C-alpha cells in the first residue's frame, strides 16, 4: 500500500516539476525554413516550411497553413507587440514575406498578402489550432501563453509571441 502511494506521489511531483519548468522557461518555437541558400540564413526567397513547439524536448508539429506559418515567422522576428494594422502593413512591406519561397523552381506563387481584418482572423485560427493540438497531446497550456494579446491605451490589441523562437534551415 505504501509503495502505491509513493509511486503516485512521485508521478505528481514529476508533473508539478515539469509544469513549473514550463512556466519558468516556456516552450521553444521551432521555425523551419527551406529553400535557403547555403552560407546565408533567413533571407528573402526562403519558405517557412513548418512551425513546431518544443516542450521539454518533445516536438509538436503545429499544422498551420502557409499564411499562418508566415505570420508566426513574422511575429517571431518582431521584438514588440503589434496591432492588426501594423502586422498587415509590416508583412506586406517585409522583404521576407514579399519574396516568400521565391527560391523555389517553377511558377508556383507562395507569397501571401495581409489585411487588418484577415490578421485578426488569423490570430484566432492560430490560437484555435494550438488549442486543438494541446488538447490532443494532453498539455495544460493555453494558446494565450504562446501568442499574447496586449491591450493598448486606445481600442486596439497588440499581438506578440511570448515564446523564444529558434530558426532551423533544411
Foldseek 3Di string as FASTA:
>chain_A
DVVVVVVVVVVVVVVVVLVVVCVVANKEKEWEWELDDPPDPLDAQIARDFIWIARPNDIDTQPDDRVLSLLVVVLLPDDDFAFLQCSQVCLQPPRNQQRHNVSDPDDDDSHDHGDSVVSVVSVVVSQVSVVVSCVVVVHPDHSCQQWPWDDDPDGTTTIHGNHNYDYHYD
